Amino acid sequence: MQTRILLSLLAAQCATLAAEVPVATFKAVDVDTKVQIGYGVTVADVNGDKKPDILLADKNLIVWYENPSWAKHVMAENLTPQDHVCIAAQDIDGDGKCEVAVGAGWNPGDTLNSGAVFYLVPPADRTQKWEPVPLPHEPTVHRMRWVQNDKGAYNLVMVPLHGRGNKPATGEGAGVKVIRYQKPANVREPWKVETLDESMHKTHNFDPIQWDADAAQEMLVGGKEGVFLMEVGPGAASMTQISGTESGGAGEVRAGQLGAGKRFVATVEPMHGNNLVLYTPPSSGADAKKLWNRTLLDESLIDGHALACGDLSGLGRDQIVVGWRAMNRPTAKVGIKLFTPVDAEGTKWQQTLIDDNTMACEDLCLADLDGNGKLDIVAAGRATKNLKIYLNQGVK
């Protein structure tokens, strides 16, 4: 009897080990240890040297860190009396140097008068201060990205946290206006501004994604009502619901790929929540309006606030990187985890701790910073007051 039990335990252990897949290891490097909040971090080539630089929207500074020395350059400061809150950087004209827009005036409790949007005009020497050009905006400016339109050009898209005049605590009231800006030849002249959608309430983040074969990027938008796929063509935007409100809607949202081109959507639920959730498409024969299949990967996050998807381990399928900040929880641990699909169908996932209590993650993104062909992690910490890179050392 004891022999059979021992054999069963050994078989179970072997099965567990066989199910695991090798994952990348990382070397943590401090880039800045005097960050105030680190609201938004992104990566783009600022100076045209073909090396990705790091850009940060901090409390009262907009800065970039020059690769590979990570020298810090101030682009703008104190754009509004309230905090800066978001940043978008992308080479939209093909000259090898990124264009930059930022959001500021952060006051989520003021749904009538808060918010600001600026396009930053670079000087000849991009290490010096940039000129801020104010653009029209909606209150509670919160997230922005450069997004490709149906003609292949880039527009700036901004998503507020709340609709104008709605109730901050519940999101009740007006819908959130998803705004698209068209950059004119002379950026100091009026920009064309249009509302793409205003059906959602209390949105938190969005992810531009090439969803189909046309030139335009689509957008996954996470909010109080769940996750929606926004498709923007020559006419009005269309919204397709992917997830609902099982755990209070979605805060963070990102898209990834599994084997054979099968996509997935990852979320943090609810906004600032404790759940990392995986969504996979319904079967091909299912009703197209059916919500995607929901799998809870982790329910131990404390104030989850950062998310990214990419193949960091060279598996041919994407992994999920999630960070949490435990704001106002000084005794709770913070950090970053990596979730890896064991199989190409994404039916099993294994968890790896990347940062153990040194990164109160406000935002993160992925990029190959050192040119070795492997995705690295860039993260900004709120309570930990830091900006760190986690250099991918490959699978060992």
Protein backbone atom coordinates (compact mmCIF):
# COMPACT_ATOMS: atom_id res chain seq x y z
CA MET A 1 0.00 0.00 0.00
CA GLN A 2 2.76 2.42 1.00
CA THR A 3 4.66 1.53 -2.19
CA ARG A 4 1.65 2.34 -4.34
CA ILE A 5 1.19 5.70 -2.56
CA LEU A 6 4.89 6.55 -3.02
CA LEU A 7 4.74 5.65 -6.70
CA SER A 8 1.64 7.77 -7.15
CA LEU A 9 3.32 10.76 -5.49
CA LEU A 10 6.42 10.34 -7.67
CA ALA A 11 4.28 10.10 -10.80
CA ALA A 12 2.42 13.26 -9.84
CA GLN A 13 5.70 15.07 -9.19
CA CYS A 14 7.14 13.95 -12.54
CA ALA A 15 3.99 15.10 -14.32
CA THR A 16 4.28 18.51 -12.67
CA LEU A 17 7.93 18.85 -13.65
CA ALA A 18 7.19 17.73 -17.21
CA ALA A 19 4.46 20.37 -17.46
CA GLU A 20 6.84 23.20 -16.63
CA VAL A 21 8.59 25.11 -19.41
CA PRO A 22 11.89 27.03 -19.20
CA VAL A 23 11.49 30.79 -18.80
CA ALA A 24 13.78 33.76 -19.14
CA THR A 25 15.79 35.10 -16.21
CA PHE A 26 16.34 38.81 -15.60
CA LYS A 27 18.99 41.16 -14.27
CA ALA A 28 17.50 44.18 -12.46
CA VAL A 29 19.14 47.57 -13.05
CA ASP A 30 18.20 50.85 -11.35
CA VAL A 31 17.73 53.66 -13.87
CA ASP A 32 16.34 56.28 -11.47
CA THR A 33 15.85 56.06 -7.70
CA LYS A 34 14.23 59.48 -7.29
CA VAL A 35 10.97 59.00 -9.17
CA GLN A 36 8.06 60.80 -7.54
CA ILE A 37 5.15 58.69 -8.82
CA GLY A 38 6.00 57.29 -12.27
CA TYR A 39 2.49 57.48 -13.71
CA GLY A 40 3.35 56.39 -17.26
CA VAL A 41 6.37 54.79 -18.89
CA THR A 42 7.00 54.01 -22.56
CA VAL A 43 9.90 53.29 -24.91
CA ALA A 44 10.83 54.93 -28.23
CA ASP A 45 13.90 56.26 -30.06
CA VAL A 46 14.06 59.91 -29.01
CA ASN A 47 17.35 61.04 -30.57
CA GLY A 48 17.46 58.92 -33.74
CA ASP A 49 20.43 56.74 -32.82
CA LYS A 50 18.39 53.55 -33.45
CA LYS A 51 18.44 52.68 -29.75
CA PRO A 52 15.20 52.59 -27.74
CA ASP A 53 15.12 55.22 -25.01
CA ILE A 54 12.82 55.31 -21.97
CA LEU A 55 10.26 58.10 -21.51
CA LEU A 56 8.48 58.79 -18.22
CA ALA A 57 5.52 60.93 -17.18
CA ASP A 58 6.26 61.72 -13.55
CA LYS A 59 4.38 63.89 -11.07
CA ASN A 60 5.74 67.24 -12.27
CA LEU A 61 8.32 66.17 -14.87
CA ILE A 62 8.30 64.70 -18.36
CA VAL A 63 11.71 63.07 -18.91
CA TRP A 64 13.61 60.71 -21.15
CA TYR A 65 16.53 58.43 -20.32
CA GLU A 66 19.16 58.01 -23.02
CA ASN A 67 20.16 54.47 -23.98
CA PRO A 68 22.64 53.01 -22.98
CA SER A 69 23.94 55.43 -20.30
CA TRP A 70 20.40 56.17 -19.09
CA ALA A 71 21.31 59.84 -18.69
CA LYS A 72 18.18 61.73 -17.64
CA HIS A 73 16.92 64.63 -19.77
CA VAL A 74 14.01 66.87 -18.74
CA MET A 75 11.60 67.53 -21.62
CA ALA A 76 9.01 69.56 -19.69
CA GLU A 77 8.09 70.36 -16.10
CA ASN A 78 5.07 71.66 -14.20
CA LEU A 79 2.82 71.73 -17.24
CA THR A 80 -0.18 72.11 -14.94
CA PRO A 81 -0.61 72.73 -11.19
CA GLN A 82 -1.88 69.14 -10.91
CA ASP A 83 0.14 66.03 -11.78
CA HIS A 84 1.24 64.82 -15.18
CA VAL A 85 -0.43 61.45 -15.79
CA CYS A 86 0.31 59.85 -19.19
CA ILE A 87 2.61 59.86 -22.21
CA ALA A 88 2.57 58.59 -25.80
CA ALA A 89 5.71 58.32 -27.94
CA GLN A 90 5.93 57.02 -31.52
CA ASP A 91 7.84 57.81 -34.70
CA ILE A 92 4.80 58.78 -36.74
CA ASP A 93 6.56 60.37 -39.74
CA GLY A 94 9.36 57.87 -40.36
CA ASP A 95 12.30 60.15 -39.60
CA GLY A 96 13.66 57.81 -36.93
CA LYS A 97 12.79 60.11 -34.03
CA CYS A 98 9.63 59.84 -31.96
CA GLU A 99 6.83 62.35 -31.59
CA VAL A 100 5.60 62.86 -28.02
CA ALA A 101 2.27 63.84 -26.47
CA VAL A 102 1.46 63.97 -22.77
CA GLY A 103 -1.54 64.26 -20.47
CA ALA A 104 -1.64 66.31 -17.27
CA GLY A 105 -3.99 68.16 -14.93
CA TRP A 106 -4.70 64.90 -13.09
CA ASN A 107 -7.61 65.18 -10.66
CA PRO A 108 -9.93 62.15 -10.95
CA GLY A 109 -12.43 63.71 -8.53
CA ASP A 110 -13.05 66.69 -10.84
CA THR A 111 -15.05 65.42 -13.81
CA LEU A 112 -15.79 68.92 -15.12
CA ASN A 113 -12.64 71.05 -15.14
CA SER A 114 -9.58 68.79 -14.76
CA GLY A 115 -7.22 67.48 -17.40
CA ALA A 116 -4.86 68.79 -20.07
CA VAL A 117 -3.25 67.46 -23.26
CA PHE A 118 -0.02 68.75 -24.80
CA TYR A 119 1.97 67.97 -27.92
CA LEU A 120 5.68 68.50 -27.23
CA VAL A 121 7.69 70.21 -29.97
CA PRO A 122 11.33 69.08 -29.87
CA PRO A 123 14.25 71.52 -30.02
CA ALA A 124 17.18 70.89 -32.35
CA ASP A 125 18.99 69.41 -29.35
CA ARG A 126 16.48 66.95 -27.94
CA THR A 127 18.24 66.84 -24.57
CA GLN A 128 16.93 70.36 -23.91
CA LYS A 129 13.40 71.48 -22.95
CA TRP A 130 10.59 70.79 -25.46
CA GLU A 131 7.85 73.30 -26.27
CA PRO A 132 4.39 72.28 -24.98
CA VAL A 133 1.49 73.00 -27.36
CA PRO A 134 -1.89 72.72 -25.57
CA LEU A 135 -4.61 70.70 -27.30
CA PRO A 136 -8.36 70.41 -26.63
CA HIS A 137 -9.23 67.84 -23.99
CA GLU A 138 -11.91 66.21 -21.90
CA PRO A 139 -11.82 66.13 -18.07
CA THR A 140 -9.89 63.39 -16.25
CA VAL A 141 -7.36 62.80 -19.06
CA HIS A 142 -5.88 59.42 -18.16
CA ARG A 143 -4.36 57.32 -21.00
CA MET A 144 -3.10 58.05 -24.51
CA ARG A 145 -1.45 56.23 -27.42
CA TRP A 146 -0.49 56.91 -31.03
CA VAL A 147 -2.80 54.65 -33.07
CA GLN A 148 -2.65 53.82 -36.79
CA ASN A 149 -5.75 54.78 -38.81
CA ASP A 150 -7.29 53.21 -41.93
CA LYS A 151 -4.89 55.17 -44.18
CA GLY A 152 -1.82 53.91 -42.30
CA ALA A 153 -1.12 57.28 -40.62
CA TYR A 154 -0.90 57.76 -36.88
CA ASN A 155 -3.40 59.70 -34.79
CA LEU A 156 -3.24 60.47 -31.10
CA VAL A 157 -6.01 58.73 -29.12
CA MET A 158 -6.86 59.85 -25.58
CA VAL A 159 -9.17 58.04 -23.14
CA PRO A 160 -10.30 59.84 -19.95
CA LEU A 161 -11.07 58.01 -16.73
CA HIS A 162 -14.60 59.45 -16.48
CA GLY A 163 -17.28 60.98 -18.65
CA ARG A 164 -17.82 64.70 -18.32
CA GLY A 165 -19.67 65.51 -15.10
CA ASN A 166 -20.27 61.90 -14.04
CA LYS A 167 -20.00 60.60 -10.47
CA PRO A 168 -16.34 59.68 -9.75
CA ALA A 169 -17.12 56.92 -7.24
CA THR A 170 -19.51 54.94 -9.43
CA GLY A 171 -18.95 56.21 -12.95
CA GLU A 172 -22.65 56.97 -13.29
CA GLY A 173 -23.57 59.70 -15.72
CA ALA A 174 -22.09 60.68 -19.07
CA GLY A 175 -20.07 58.18 -21.07
CA VAL A 176 -16.32 58.46 -21.50
CA LYS A 177 -15.41 60.27 -24.71
CA VAL A 178 -12.66 58.42 -26.57
CA ILE A 179 -10.98 61.26 -28.45
CA ARG A 180 -8.88 61.07 -31.62
CA TYR A 181 -6.57 63.92 -32.69
CA GLN A 182 -5.21 64.45 -36.20
CA LYS A 183 -1.82 66.17 -36.21
CA PRO A 184 -1.68 69.11 -38.68
CA ALA A 185 1.42 70.07 -40.69
CA ASN A 186 1.82 73.07 -38.39
CA VAL A 187 1.28 71.68 -34.89
CA ARG A 188 0.54 75.15 -33.51
CA GLU A 189 -2.57 75.40 -35.68
CA PRO A 190 -5.85 73.75 -34.53
CA TRP A 191 -5.85 69.96 -34.52
CA LYS A 192 -8.84 68.07 -35.91
CA VAL A 193 -10.55 66.37 -32.96
CA GLU A 194 -13.30 63.73 -33.12
CA THR A 195 -15.12 61.52 -30.64
CA LEU A 196 -14.80 57.83 -31.53
CA ASP A 197 -17.09 56.47 -28.80
CA GLU A 198 -18.86 57.53 -25.61
CA SER A 199 -20.71 54.36 -24.60
CA MET A 200 -18.44 53.19 -21.76
CA HIS A 201 -18.13 54.44 -18.18
CA LYS A 202 -15.11 54.70 -15.90
CA THR A 203 -12.54 53.39 -18.36
CA HIS A 204 -9.01 52.77 -17.16
CA ASN A 205 -6.69 51.61 -19.95
CA PHE A 206 -6.59 50.60 -23.62
CA ASP A 207 -4.34 48.69 -25.99
CA PRO A 208 -3.88 49.38 -29.74
CA ILE A 209 -3.78 46.05 -31.56
CA GLN A 210 -3.62 44.90 -35.19
CA TRP A 211 -6.73 42.72 -35.00
CA ASP A 212 -7.52 42.15 -38.69
CA ALA A 213 -6.03 42.57 -42.16
CA ASP A 214 -6.78 46.24 -42.81
CA ALA A 215 -4.35 49.09 -42.18
CA ALA A 216 -6.13 50.47 -39.13
CA GLN A 217 -5.24 49.36 -35.65
CA GLU A 218 -8.13 48.37 -33.45
CA MET A 219 -8.26 49.12 -29.72
CA LEU A 220 -9.09 47.00 -26.70
CA VAL A 221 -10.66 49.24 -24.05
CA GLY A 222 -11.11 48.16 -20.43
CA GLY A 223 -13.63 49.74 -18.10
CA LYS A 224 -16.55 49.42 -15.75
CA GLU A 225 -18.61 47.41 -18.28
CA GLY A 226 -15.76 45.01 -19.16
CA VAL A 227 -13.50 44.84 -22.23
CA PHE A 228 -14.58 45.97 -25.68
CA LEU A 229 -12.90 45.76 -29.08
CA MET A 230 -13.21 49.12 -30.83
CA GLU A 231 -12.89 48.99 -34.61
CA VAL A 232 -12.41 52.36 -36.31
CA GLY A 233 -12.87 52.70 -40.05
CA PRO A 234 -13.85 55.55 -42.36
CA GLY A 235 -17.25 55.68 -40.60
CA ALA A 236 -18.33 55.42 -37.00
CA ALA A 237 -16.48 53.15 -34.57
CA SER A 238 -18.02 49.78 -33.75
CA MET A 239 -17.79 48.13 -30.33
CA THR A 240 -17.71 44.36 -29.73
CA GLN A 241 -17.83 43.12 -26.14
CA ILE A 242 -15.21 40.54 -25.14
CA SER A 243 -15.62 40.35 -21.36
CA GLY A 244 -18.26 41.37 -18.84
CA THR A 245 -18.43 42.42 -15.23
CA GLU A 246 -17.91 39.12 -13.38
CA SER A 247 -15.27 40.68 -11.12
CA GLY A 248 -16.28 44.32 -11.47
CA GLY A 249 -15.11 45.16 -14.98
CA ALA A 250 -11.51 45.60 -16.14
CA GLY A 251 -8.71 48.03 -15.32
CA GLU A 252 -5.66 46.96 -17.33
CA VAL A 253 -6.06 45.17 -20.68
CA ARG A 254 -3.53 43.76 -23.16
CA ALA A 255 -3.65 41.33 -26.09
CA GLY A 256 -1.30 38.40 -26.75
CA GLN A 257 -0.81 35.41 -29.07
CA LEU A 258 -0.72 31.70 -28.39
CA GLY A 259 0.24 28.90 -30.79
CA ALA A 260 -1.10 28.78 -34.36
CA GLY A 261 -2.07 32.45 -34.24
CA LYS A 262 -4.61 31.97 -31.47
CA ARG A 263 -4.99 35.23 -29.59
CA PHE A 264 -5.85 35.92 -25.99
CA VAL A 265 -6.73 38.96 -23.89
CA ALA A 266 -5.32 39.51 -20.40
CA THR A 267 -6.87 41.82 -17.84
CA VAL A 268 -6.49 43.04 -14.29
CA GLU A 269 -9.92 42.98 -12.66
CA PRO A 270 -11.48 45.10 -11.35
CA MET A 271 -9.77 48.48 -11.70
CA HIS A 272 -6.82 48.43 -9.24
CA GLY A 273 -7.93 44.88 -8.49
CA ASN A 274 -6.53 41.58 -7.29
CA ASN A 275 -7.38 39.32 -10.25
CA LEU A 276 -5.26 38.50 -13.29
CA VAL A 277 -7.68 37.06 -15.85
CA LEU A 278 -7.19 35.31 -19.19
CA TYR A 279 -9.77 35.44 -21.98
CA THR A 280 -9.70 33.13 -25.00
CA PRO A 281 -12.09 33.20 -27.97
CA PRO A 282 -15.28 31.12 -27.99
CA SER A 283 -15.33 28.14 -30.35
CA SER A 284 -15.56 28.98 -34.05
CA GLY A 285 -19.10 27.72 -34.25
CA ALA A 286 -20.29 29.79 -31.32
CA ASP A 287 -22.43 32.88 -31.55
CA ALA A 288 -20.19 35.80 -32.57
CA LYS A 289 -21.77 37.91 -29.82
CA LYS A 290 -20.84 35.42 -27.09
CA LEU A 291 -18.38 36.66 -24.48
CA TRP A 292 -14.91 35.09 -24.47
CA ASN A 293 -13.98 32.19 -22.19
CA ARG A 294 -12.74 33.43 -18.82
CA THR A 295 -9.92 31.84 -16.78
CA LEU A 296 -8.70 33.25 -13.47
CA LEU A 297 -4.89 33.00 -13.41
CA ASP A 298 -4.18 34.77 -10.11
CA GLU A 299 -6.28 36.35 -7.38
CA SER A 300 -3.47 37.46 -5.06
CA LEU A 301 -2.53 40.82 -6.63
CA ILE A 302 -2.78 43.80 -4.33
CA ASP A 303 -3.77 46.85 -6.39
CA GLY A 304 -2.81 45.45 -9.80
CA HIS A 305 -1.88 48.38 -12.02
CA ALA A 306 0.44 47.32 -14.87
CA LEU A 307 0.22 44.73 -17.62
CA ALA A 308 2.05 43.67 -20.79
CA CYS A 309 2.14 40.67 -23.15
CA GLY A 310 5.07 39.42 -25.19
CA ASP A 311 7.33 36.45 -25.85
CA LEU A 312 10.14 37.06 -23.38
CA SER A 313 11.27 33.41 -23.25
CA GLY A 314 11.40 32.63 -26.98
CA LEU A 315 8.60 30.05 -26.81
CA GLY A 316 6.74 31.17 -29.93
CA ARG A 317 3.80 32.20 -27.74
CA ASP A 318 3.34 35.21 -25.52
CA GLN A 319 3.70 35.44 -21.77
CA ILE A 320 1.93 37.89 -19.44
CA VAL A 321 3.81 40.35 -17.23
CA VAL A 322 1.78 41.88 -14.41
CA GLY A 323 2.77 44.41 -11.74
CA TRP A 324 1.04 45.57 -8.58
CA ARG A 325 1.62 48.53 -6.29
CA ALA A 326 -0.34 47.97 -3.02
CA MET A 327 -1.05 51.68 -2.71
CA ASN A 328 -1.87 52.75 0.87
CA ARG A 329 -0.90 49.25 2.07
CA PRO A 330 2.58 49.86 3.55
CA THR A 331 2.92 46.36 5.02
CA ALA A 332 1.87 44.53 1.83
CA LYS A 333 4.43 43.21 -0.63
CA VAL A 334 4.70 44.66 -4.15
CA GLY A 335 6.31 43.32 -7.29
CA ILE A 336 6.12 41.88 -10.80
CA LYS A 337 5.18 38.36 -11.95
CA LEU A 338 5.57 36.50 -15.23
CA PHE A 339 2.86 34.06 -16.35
CA THR A 340 3.89 31.54 -19.01
CA PRO A 341 1.55 29.29 -21.04
CA VAL A 342 2.76 25.72 -20.67
CA ASP A 343 1.03 24.63 -23.89
CA ALA A 344 0.12 26.32 -27.15
CA GLU A 345 -3.57 26.28 -26.24
CA GLY A 346 -3.06 28.26 -23.04
CA THR A 347 -4.83 25.66 -20.91
CA LYS A 348 -2.06 25.64 -18.27
CA TRP A 349 0.06 28.52 -17.00
CA GLN A 350 3.05 28.67 -14.69
CA GLN A 351 3.98 31.60 -12.49
CA THR A 352 7.43 33.16 -11.96
CA LEU A 353 8.24 35.99 -9.57
CA ILE A 354 10.35 38.64 -11.33
CA ASP A 355 10.48 41.31 -8.61
CA ASP A 356 9.95 40.55 -4.94
CA ASN A 357 8.97 43.72 -3.07
CA THR A 358 11.29 46.32 -4.67
CA MET A 359 8.86 47.64 -7.34
CA ALA A 360 5.48 49.17 -6.39
CA CYS A 361 4.54 48.98 -10.02
CA GLU A 362 2.57 51.93 -11.37
CA ASP A 363 3.27 51.13 -15.03
CA LEU A 364 5.44 48.84 -17.15
CA CYS A 365 6.21 48.06 -20.78
CA LEU A 366 8.35 45.66 -22.84
CA ALA A 367 11.16 46.42 -25.30
CA ASP A 368 14.51 45.05 -26.46
CA LEU A 369 16.73 47.67 -24.82
CA ASP A 370 20.15 46.15 -25.42
CA GLY A 371 19.67 44.78 -28.95
CA ASN A 372 20.12 41.11 -28.05
CA GLY A 373 16.81 40.10 -29.62
CA LYS A 374 15.11 39.48 -26.26
CA LEU A 375 12.34 41.55 -24.68
CA ASP A 376 13.27 43.37 -21.48
CA ILE A 377 10.92 44.84 -18.86
CA VAL A 378 10.77 48.54 -17.97
CA ALA A 379 8.84 49.44 -14.80
CA ALA A 380 8.12 52.55 -12.77
CA GLY A 381 7.36 52.34 -9.04
CA ARG A 382 5.13 54.64 -7.03
CA ALA A 383 5.79 53.97 -3.32
CA THR A 384 9.26 52.60 -4.14
CA LYS A 385 10.13 55.83 -6.04
CA ASN A 386 12.09 54.02 -8.74
CA LEU A 387 12.48 53.29 -12.42
CA LYS A 388 14.05 49.90 -13.16
CA ILE A 389 14.87 47.77 -16.14
CA TYR A 390 14.91 44.00 -15.98
CA LEU A 391 17.37 42.90 -18.66
CA ASN A 392 16.48 39.57 -20.24
CA GLN A 393 19.31 37.07 -19.68
CA GLY A 394 17.61 34.38 -21.76
CA VAL A 395 16.48 30.91 -20.75
CA LYS A 396 18.92 29.05 -18.52
